[in-house]
Amino acid sequence: MQNPVLTFAQLLQQSLEQTVTLKIAILKETAADERRVAMIPSVAQRIAKLGASLVLEQGGGAAATYTDAAYTQAGVTTEADQQKLLGDADIVLAVQPPSVETVKKMKPGSLLVSFIYAKTEPDLVKALRDGKITTFAMELIPRISRAQAMDALSSQAALAGYYAPLLGCVHMQKILPMMTTAVGSLRAARVLVMGLGVAGLQALATAHRLGAVCEGYDVRPETKEEAESVGARFVDTGVDARGAGGYARELTPEEKTKVRAALSQHIAQADLIITTAAVPGKHAPRLIDADQLAAMKEGAVVVDMGAPNGGNCEGTKAGEIIKVGPVTLVGPTNLPSCLAAQASELYAKNIYNLLEQVVHDGVLKPDFTDDVIKGTTLTHDGAITNDAIKQFIESAPAEKVS
């Protein structure tokens, strides 16, 4: 019996299947409040062109509106058995830090690309080290111009900042814009955003577009022009707390007193406050205390985006909506997940731009002397490569014993 004649397309597909050796696994997220997925179908097609085959853990994109059928159409296969999925994967993609049990299913020498938050996940970091897994921690992407397209913290913060005023509106008893009716006019709400990083500026821009009277505050004076560019008035406290890496440093006790005195009036006048301040690896800085909350308007709302790290407001409870005196205090823990489809899209593009630096012709070849790759790498070849994290993780047992 003669062999059937293959078409050019079939021959090309057969050739690709023979030459593609790099296998990329996409994990299904399991955290209760996580709906994102690390890779979407359209971006997966671009990654395949780097010389890789992709496999999705079955149902992994469903919560973000990406069906298994959409992945299949994009050339991504699906797998229900996680052990089989990870056992021969060269690269594993995830959003949230995977469990230690999941890491143990990965083969030595493979690459994990995910948020890790090492200081809150010491057991996970040790498992990655001991399993000889190379880890690209997405929160460690250097904040330099060359790495902007890979900066997942910024892409996710932009969507979180956009969503925060909308979340606040749901809990307010008034509208944001001025409105004229047959029986008179309604005044525009006053919105104060505290912390003018990526999330804060997006929150200001959204509130301004919705018609609110907006004010923005940050301890870094250079954010004044950025606040004004999105239609807000900048609250100047006279304190300059610029720190390393584009973040604000912690304030001294004297500076905190000065800032509090300057901000209290603006806090008391606000109908909606959104706090976004964060110091990487540390407890969220306290921006609003109990006395300031008590002095706010009845029915005022505070959306505390610092809730996952302890909160910018005294009394914030992560994942809860509570009443503190006259104020409704909202403590969201995962705002990007509320916009899972587009948050996943941006995150997938961040990952693609990172993988483009290390995957060449179907071979994983990271250059650990490159500033971006070196800065992003958390573990490699049985060692924790980030000095600050290494000191924190490996000195922890000794500290506990003493």
Protein backbone atom coordinates (compact mmCIF):
# COMPACT_ATOMS: atom_id res chain seq x y z
CA MET A 1 0.00 0.00 0.00
CA GLN A 2 1.42 3.37 -1.03
CA ASN A 3 1.91 6.18 1.49
CA PRO A 4 -0.67 8.97 1.12
CA VAL A 5 0.53 12.14 -0.55
CA LEU A 6 0.94 14.92 2.04
CA THR A 7 0.06 18.52 1.27
CA PHE A 8 2.64 21.28 1.76
CA ALA A 9 0.81 22.48 4.91
CA GLN A 10 0.89 18.96 6.38
CA LEU A 11 4.57 18.58 5.59
CA LEU A 12 5.29 21.97 7.20
CA GLN A 13 3.33 21.04 10.34
CA GLN A 14 5.12 17.69 10.50
CA SER A 15 8.47 19.44 10.15
CA LEU A 16 7.61 21.88 12.94
CA GLU A 17 6.54 19.05 15.23
CA GLN A 18 9.87 17.33 14.64
CA THR A 19 11.98 20.45 15.26
CA VAL A 20 10.09 22.06 18.16
CA THR A 21 11.62 20.72 21.36
CA LEU A 22 10.85 23.51 23.86
CA LYS A 23 7.67 22.80 25.79
CA ILE A 24 5.81 25.52 27.69
CA ALA A 25 3.12 24.71 30.26
CA ILE A 26 0.41 27.19 31.31
CA LEU A 27 -0.90 26.57 34.82
CA LYS A 28 -4.51 26.92 35.92
CA GLU A 29 -4.70 29.36 38.83
CA THR A 30 -6.15 27.95 42.05
CA ALA A 31 -6.29 30.94 44.43
CA ALA A 32 -9.86 31.73 45.46
CA ASP A 33 -9.81 35.33 44.20
CA GLU A 34 -7.69 34.75 41.08
CA ARG A 35 -9.36 34.65 37.65
CA ARG A 36 -6.38 35.58 35.48
CA VAL A 37 -4.37 33.20 33.31
CA ALA A 38 -0.69 33.59 32.43
CA MET A 39 -1.08 33.23 28.67
CA ILE A 40 -3.91 34.00 26.24
CA PRO A 41 -4.47 32.37 22.83
CA SER A 42 -3.40 35.27 20.60
CA VAL A 43 -0.11 35.78 22.44
CA ALA A 44 0.49 32.02 22.59
CA GLN A 45 0.61 32.04 18.80
CA ARG A 46 3.42 34.60 18.92
CA ILE A 47 5.35 32.53 21.44
CA ALA A 48 5.00 29.44 19.24
CA LYS A 49 6.90 31.31 16.53
CA LEU A 50 9.89 31.44 18.87
CA GLY A 51 10.11 27.67 18.44
CA ALA A 52 7.99 26.32 21.28
CA SER A 53 4.90 24.20 21.78
CA LEU A 54 2.41 25.26 24.44
CA VAL A 55 0.16 23.17 26.66
CA LEU A 56 -2.61 24.59 28.86
CA GLU A 57 -3.82 22.98 32.05
CA GLN A 58 -7.41 22.16 31.14
CA GLY A 59 -9.81 25.00 31.92
CA GLY A 60 -6.99 27.35 32.80
CA GLY A 61 -8.34 30.33 30.89
CA ALA A 62 -12.07 29.86 31.48
CA ALA A 63 -12.36 32.29 34.41
CA ALA A 64 -10.79 34.99 32.24
CA THR A 65 -13.22 34.24 29.35
CA TYR A 66 -10.66 32.27 27.30
CA THR A 67 -12.12 28.83 26.48
CA ASP A 68 -10.15 25.66 25.84
CA ALA A 69 -11.53 25.76 22.30
CA ALA A 70 -9.96 29.19 21.75
CA TYR A 71 -6.59 27.82 22.83
CA THR A 72 -6.97 24.76 20.60
CA GLN A 73 -7.73 27.02 17.65
CA ALA A 74 -4.53 28.93 18.43
CA GLY A 75 -2.48 25.74 18.35
CA VAL A 76 -2.29 25.20 22.12
CA THR A 77 -3.07 21.72 23.39
CA THR A 78 -4.78 21.07 26.73
CA GLU A 79 -3.92 18.62 29.48
CA ALA A 80 -6.00 17.64 32.52
CA ASP A 81 -3.22 15.78 34.35
CA GLN A 82 -0.99 18.36 36.06
CA GLN A 83 1.76 15.80 36.75
CA LYS A 84 1.97 15.01 33.04
CA LEU A 85 1.71 18.71 32.16
CA LEU A 86 4.67 19.69 34.31
CA GLY A 87 6.76 16.55 34.12
CA ASP A 88 8.27 17.34 30.73
CA ALA A 89 7.75 21.12 30.58
CA ASP A 90 10.84 23.26 29.98
CA ILE A 91 9.04 26.48 30.95
CA VAL A 92 6.06 26.86 33.28
CA LEU A 93 3.93 30.02 33.24
CA ALA A 94 1.74 31.17 36.14
CA VAL A 95 0.25 34.32 37.65
CA GLN A 96 0.20 33.65 41.39
CA PRO A 97 3.00 31.82 43.22
CA PRO A 98 2.43 28.09 42.67
CA SER A 99 2.25 25.72 45.62
CA VAL A 100 5.27 23.78 46.85
CA GLU A 101 3.49 20.60 45.72
CA THR A 102 3.18 22.01 42.20
CA VAL A 103 6.87 22.93 42.10
CA LYS A 104 7.84 19.40 43.11
CA LYS A 105 6.19 18.14 39.90
CA MET A 106 8.53 20.28 37.75
CA LYS A 107 11.69 18.77 36.34
CA PRO A 108 15.12 20.05 37.47
CA GLY A 109 16.53 22.73 35.18
CA SER A 110 13.13 23.97 34.04
CA LEU A 111 12.10 27.64 34.18
CA LEU A 112 9.21 29.09 36.18
CA VAL A 113 7.85 32.50 35.15
CA SER A 114 5.43 33.88 37.74
CA PHE A 115 4.89 36.38 40.51
CA ILE A 116 6.59 34.92 43.58
CA TYR A 117 6.66 37.57 46.38
CA ALA A 118 9.60 35.76 47.93
CA LYS A 119 9.55 37.34 51.39
CA THR A 120 6.03 36.07 52.00
CA GLU A 121 6.72 32.66 50.39
CA PRO A 122 9.94 31.37 51.99
CA ASP A 123 8.99 27.68 51.71
CA LEU A 124 8.24 28.11 48.02
CA VAL A 125 11.60 29.80 47.39
CA LYS A 126 13.40 26.97 49.18
CA ALA A 127 11.50 24.41 47.09
CA LEU A 128 12.51 26.22 43.90
CA ARG A 129 16.12 26.33 45.06
CA ASP A 130 16.23 22.69 46.14
CA GLY A 131 14.45 21.53 42.99
CA LYS A 132 17.04 23.34 40.84
CA ILE A 133 14.32 25.37 39.17
CA THR A 134 15.29 28.61 37.46
CA THR A 135 12.79 31.26 38.53
CA PHE A 136 11.94 34.54 36.83
CA ALA A 137 9.98 36.46 39.46
CA MET A 138 7.83 38.96 37.61
CA GLU A 139 7.79 41.42 40.52
CA LEU A 140 11.59 41.66 40.22
CA ILE A 141 11.60 43.00 36.64
CA PRO A 142 13.95 46.03 36.85
CA ARG A 143 12.18 49.36 36.47
CA ILE A 144 14.35 50.60 33.63
CA SER A 145 13.28 51.86 30.22
CA ARG A 146 14.49 48.74 28.38
CA ALA A 147 12.29 46.52 30.56
CA GLN A 148 9.07 48.55 30.40
CA ALA A 149 7.40 46.08 28.02
CA MET A 150 8.07 43.29 30.54
CA ASP A 151 6.98 45.22 33.66
CA ALA A 152 4.02 43.20 34.92
CA LEU A 153 3.69 45.15 38.15
CA SER A 154 2.99 48.31 36.16
CA SER A 155 0.63 46.70 33.66
CA GLN A 156 -1.46 45.15 36.42
CA ALA A 157 -1.34 48.30 38.57
CA ALA A 158 -2.70 50.37 35.68
CA LEU A 159 -5.85 48.23 35.51
CA ALA A 160 -6.19 48.13 39.30
CA GLY A 161 -5.98 51.92 39.42
CA TYR A 162 -8.62 52.25 36.71
CA TYR A 163 -10.97 49.94 38.59
CA ALA A 164 -10.57 51.43 42.09
CA PRO A 165 -12.79 54.53 41.55
CA LEU A 166 -15.46 52.32 39.97
CA LEU A 167 -15.38 50.09 43.02
CA GLY A 168 -15.63 53.13 45.26
CA CYS A 169 -18.65 54.44 43.35
CA VAL A 170 -20.57 51.24 44.08
CA HIS A 171 -20.37 51.99 47.80
CA MET A 172 -21.04 55.75 47.63
CA GLN A 173 -24.46 57.28 48.22
CA LYS A 174 -23.82 60.03 45.66
CA ILE A 175 -22.67 60.45 42.09
CA LEU A 176 -19.25 61.66 40.97
CA PRO A 177 -20.11 64.35 38.38
CA MET A 178 -22.02 67.57 38.82
CA MET A 179 -25.56 67.15 37.52
CA THR A 180 -28.21 69.76 36.75
CA THR A 181 -31.82 68.66 37.18
CA ALA A 182 -35.22 70.36 37.05
CA VAL A 183 -35.12 70.77 40.84
CA GLY A 184 -31.58 72.02 41.13
CA SER A 185 -27.98 71.01 40.73
CA LEU A 186 -26.02 68.23 42.42
CA ARG A 187 -22.43 69.05 43.31
CA ALA A 188 -19.56 66.97 41.97
CA ALA A 189 -17.97 64.59 44.46
CA ARG A 190 -14.49 65.27 45.78
CA VAL A 191 -11.97 62.47 45.18
CA LEU A 192 -8.55 62.28 46.83
CA VAL A 193 -5.96 59.79 45.57
CA MET A 194 -3.02 59.16 47.88
CA GLY A 195 0.05 57.67 46.21
CA LEU A 196 0.66 58.68 42.59
CA GLY A 197 2.42 55.73 41.04
CA VAL A 198 0.98 53.88 38.07
CA ALA A 199 -2.19 52.85 39.95
CA GLY A 200 -2.73 56.25 41.55
CA LEU A 201 -2.46 58.18 38.31
CA GLN A 202 -4.87 55.82 36.59
CA ALA A 203 -7.30 56.22 39.49
CA LEU A 204 -7.08 60.01 39.18
CA ALA A 205 -7.61 59.85 35.42
CA THR A 206 -10.69 57.64 35.80
CA ALA A 207 -12.24 59.76 38.54
CA HIS A 208 -11.62 62.92 36.49
CA ARG A 209 -13.23 61.39 33.39
CA LEU A 210 -16.25 60.53 35.52
CA GLY A 211 -16.61 64.18 36.50
CA ALA A 212 -15.25 64.29 40.05
CA VAL A 213 -13.24 67.15 41.52
CA CYS A 214 -9.88 65.43 41.96
CA GLU A 215 -6.88 65.90 44.21
CA GLY A 216 -3.70 63.84 44.24
CA TYR A 217 -1.03 63.45 46.89
CA ASP A 218 2.38 61.82 46.89
CA VAL A 219 5.53 62.28 48.98
CA ARG A 220 7.49 62.63 45.71
CA PRO A 221 7.13 66.24 44.50
CA GLU A 222 7.94 65.32 40.90
CA THR A 223 4.50 63.69 40.63
CA LYS A 224 2.87 67.15 40.74
CA GLU A 225 3.02 67.60 36.97
CA GLU A 226 1.73 64.07 36.39
CA ALA A 227 -1.28 64.69 38.64
CA GLU A 228 -2.04 67.96 36.90
CA SER A 229 -1.75 66.28 33.49
CA VAL A 230 -4.78 64.09 34.30
CA GLY A 231 -6.88 66.98 35.57
CA ALA A 232 -6.16 66.85 39.31
CA ARG A 233 -4.90 69.39 41.82
CA PHE A 234 -1.71 68.35 43.63
CA VAL A 235 -1.64 68.47 47.43
CA ASP A 236 1.81 69.75 48.40
CA THR A 237 2.86 68.94 51.97
CA GLY A 238 6.40 70.28 51.69
CA VAL A 239 7.97 66.84 52.28
CA ASP A 240 10.26 65.20 49.71
CA ALA A 241 10.60 61.45 50.22
CA ARG A 242 11.97 60.27 46.92
CA GLY A 243 13.59 56.84 47.26
CA ALA A 244 15.46 54.31 45.15
CA GLY A 245 13.98 52.55 42.13
CA GLY A 246 11.20 55.08 41.61
CA TYR A 247 9.53 54.23 44.93
CA ALA A 248 9.01 56.49 47.91
CA ARG A 249 11.16 55.94 50.98
CA GLU A 250 9.71 55.63 54.48
CA LEU A 251 9.04 58.92 56.25
CA THR A 252 10.74 59.98 59.45
CA PRO A 253 8.52 60.62 62.51
CA GLU A 254 8.92 64.39 62.00
CA GLU A 255 7.94 64.11 58.34
CA LYS A 256 4.91 62.01 59.21
CA THR A 257 3.70 64.69 61.63
CA LYS A 258 4.13 67.40 59.01
CA VAL A 259 2.36 65.41 56.31
CA ARG A 260 -0.52 64.51 58.64
CA ALA A 261 -1.16 68.14 59.50
CA ALA A 262 -1.22 69.14 55.83
CA LEU A 263 -3.44 66.26 54.68
CA SER A 264 -6.07 66.11 57.43
CA GLN A 265 -8.22 68.88 55.94
CA HIS A 266 -8.17 67.31 52.47
CA ILE A 267 -9.09 63.92 53.94
CA ALA A 268 -12.01 65.43 55.87
CA GLN A 269 -13.40 67.09 52.72
CA ALA A 270 -13.22 64.01 50.47
CA ASP A 271 -16.23 61.93 49.47
CA LEU A 272 -14.01 59.17 48.09
CA ILE A 273 -10.38 58.41 48.92
CA ILE A 274 -8.22 55.88 47.10
CA THR A 275 -4.93 54.91 48.75
CA THR A 276 -2.24 53.17 46.71
CA ALA A 277 1.01 53.63 48.65
CA ALA A 278 3.39 50.69 48.84
CA VAL A 279 7.03 50.04 49.75
CA PRO A 280 8.26 46.78 48.12
CA GLY A 281 8.71 43.95 50.62
CA LYS A 282 7.42 45.97 53.56
CA HIS A 283 4.19 46.71 55.38
CA ALA A 284 2.06 49.25 53.54
CA PRO A 285 2.75 52.75 54.93
CA ARG A 286 0.02 54.23 57.13
CA LEU A 287 -1.58 57.22 55.39
CA ILE A 288 -4.85 57.64 57.30
CA ASP A 289 -5.27 57.04 61.03
CA ALA A 290 -8.39 56.45 63.11
CA ASP A 291 -8.79 60.10 64.08
CA GLN A 292 -8.67 61.19 60.43
CA LEU A 293 -11.25 58.56 59.50
CA ALA A 294 -13.52 59.76 62.32
CA ALA A 295 -13.33 63.32 60.99
CA MET A 296 -14.52 62.35 57.48
CA LYS A 297 -18.02 62.95 56.10
CA GLU A 298 -20.82 60.57 56.90
CA GLY A 299 -21.10 58.22 53.92
CA ALA A 300 -17.53 58.79 52.69
CA VAL A 301 -15.75 55.82 51.13
CA VAL A 302 -12.09 54.75 51.27
CA VAL A 303 -10.74 52.15 48.83
CA ASP A 304 -7.51 50.92 50.40
CA MET A 305 -5.39 49.33 47.67
CA GLY A 306 -2.71 48.65 50.27
CA ALA A 307 -5.00 46.14 52.00
CA PRO A 308 -3.02 43.00 50.97
CA ASN A 309 0.06 44.38 52.77
CA GLY A 310 -1.61 45.56 55.94
CA GLY A 311 -3.45 48.60 54.61
CA ASN A 312 -2.79 52.31 54.23
CA CYS A 313 -5.69 53.04 56.60
CA GLU A 314 -6.00 52.16 60.25
CA GLY A 315 -8.65 49.47 60.58
CA THR A 316 -8.52 48.10 57.02
CA LYS A 317 -9.33 44.40 56.76
CA ALA A 318 -8.04 42.69 53.62
CA GLY A 319 -10.85 41.26 51.50
CA GLU A 320 -13.58 42.90 53.57
CA ILE A 321 -15.90 45.92 53.40
CA ILE A 322 -16.45 47.40 56.85
CA LYS A 323 -17.93 50.52 58.41
CA VAL A 324 -15.50 52.52 60.54
CA GLY A 325 -17.32 55.47 62.11
CA PRO A 326 -18.78 57.52 59.24
CA VAL A 327 -16.67 55.77 56.58
CA THR A 328 -17.13 52.66 54.46
CA LEU A 329 -13.65 51.10 54.28
CA VAL A 330 -13.07 48.78 51.31
CA GLY A 331 -10.05 46.45 51.40
CA PRO A 332 -9.69 44.78 47.97
CA THR A 333 -7.02 42.11 47.63
CA ASN A 334 -6.81 41.49 43.88
CA LEU A 335 -8.22 44.28 41.71
CA PRO A 336 -6.53 43.16 38.45
CA SER A 337 -8.44 39.87 38.71
CA CYS A 338 -11.69 41.86 38.52
CA LEU A 339 -10.67 42.72 34.95
CA ALA A 340 -9.30 39.25 34.25
CA ALA A 341 -9.57 39.22 30.46
CA GLN A 342 -7.49 42.31 29.81
CA ALA A 343 -5.26 41.83 32.86
CA SER A 344 -4.38 38.41 31.42
CA GLU A 345 -3.76 39.97 28.02
CA LEU A 346 -1.30 42.50 29.40
CA TYR A 347 0.42 39.93 31.60
CA ALA A 348 0.76 37.51 28.68
CA LYS A 349 2.40 40.25 26.61
CA ASN A 350 4.77 41.02 29.48
CA ILE A 351 5.77 37.35 29.54
CA TYR A 352 6.17 37.21 25.76
CA ASN A 353 8.51 40.19 25.79
CA LEU A 354 10.55 38.51 28.51
CA LEU A 355 10.70 35.12 26.80
CA GLU A 356 11.73 36.81 23.58
CA GLN A 357 14.97 37.70 25.38
CA VAL A 358 15.78 34.13 26.41
CA VAL A 359 14.27 31.80 23.78
CA HIS A 360 16.09 31.60 20.47
CA ASP A 361 15.18 29.12 17.71
CA GLY A 362 13.41 26.83 20.12
CA VAL A 363 16.23 26.79 22.66
CA LEU A 364 16.17 28.35 26.12
CA LYS A 365 19.35 30.46 26.37
CA PRO A 366 19.11 33.04 29.17
CA ASP A 367 22.02 35.46 29.44
CA PHE A 368 22.48 35.87 33.17
CA THR A 369 24.88 38.78 32.64
CA ASP A 370 22.08 40.84 31.07
CA ASP A 371 20.76 43.44 33.54
CA VAL A 372 17.11 42.54 32.99
CA ILE A 373 17.58 38.77 33.21
CA LYS A 374 19.95 39.03 36.17
CA GLY A 375 17.58 41.33 38.04
CA THR A 376 14.55 39.13 37.37
CA THR A 377 16.16 35.81 38.31
CA LEU A 378 15.35 34.61 41.82
CA THR A 379 16.72 31.06 41.77
CA HIS A 380 19.02 29.16 39.41
CA ASP A 381 20.96 25.89 39.53
CA GLY A 382 20.24 25.14 43.17
CA ALA A 383 20.89 28.63 44.54
CA ILE A 384 18.98 31.78 45.43
CA THR A 385 20.58 34.36 43.14
CA ASN A 386 18.95 37.53 44.48
CA ASP A 387 21.23 38.67 47.32
CA ALA A 388 18.55 40.46 49.36
CA ILE A 389 16.14 37.52 49.15
CA LYS A 390 18.92 35.03 49.84
CA GLN A 391 19.86 36.84 53.03
CA PHE A 392 16.23 37.07 54.10
CA ILE A 393 15.38 33.41 53.38
CA GLU A 394 18.58 31.70 54.48
CA SER A 395 19.08 33.75 57.65
CA ALA A 396 15.48 33.32 58.83
CA PRO A 397 15.98 29.94 60.60
CA ALA A 398 19.02 31.23 62.47
CA GLU A 399 17.05 34.26 63.64
CA LYS A 400 14.18 32.09 64.85
CA VAL A 401 16.54 29.82 66.84
CA SER A 402 18.23 32.73 68.60
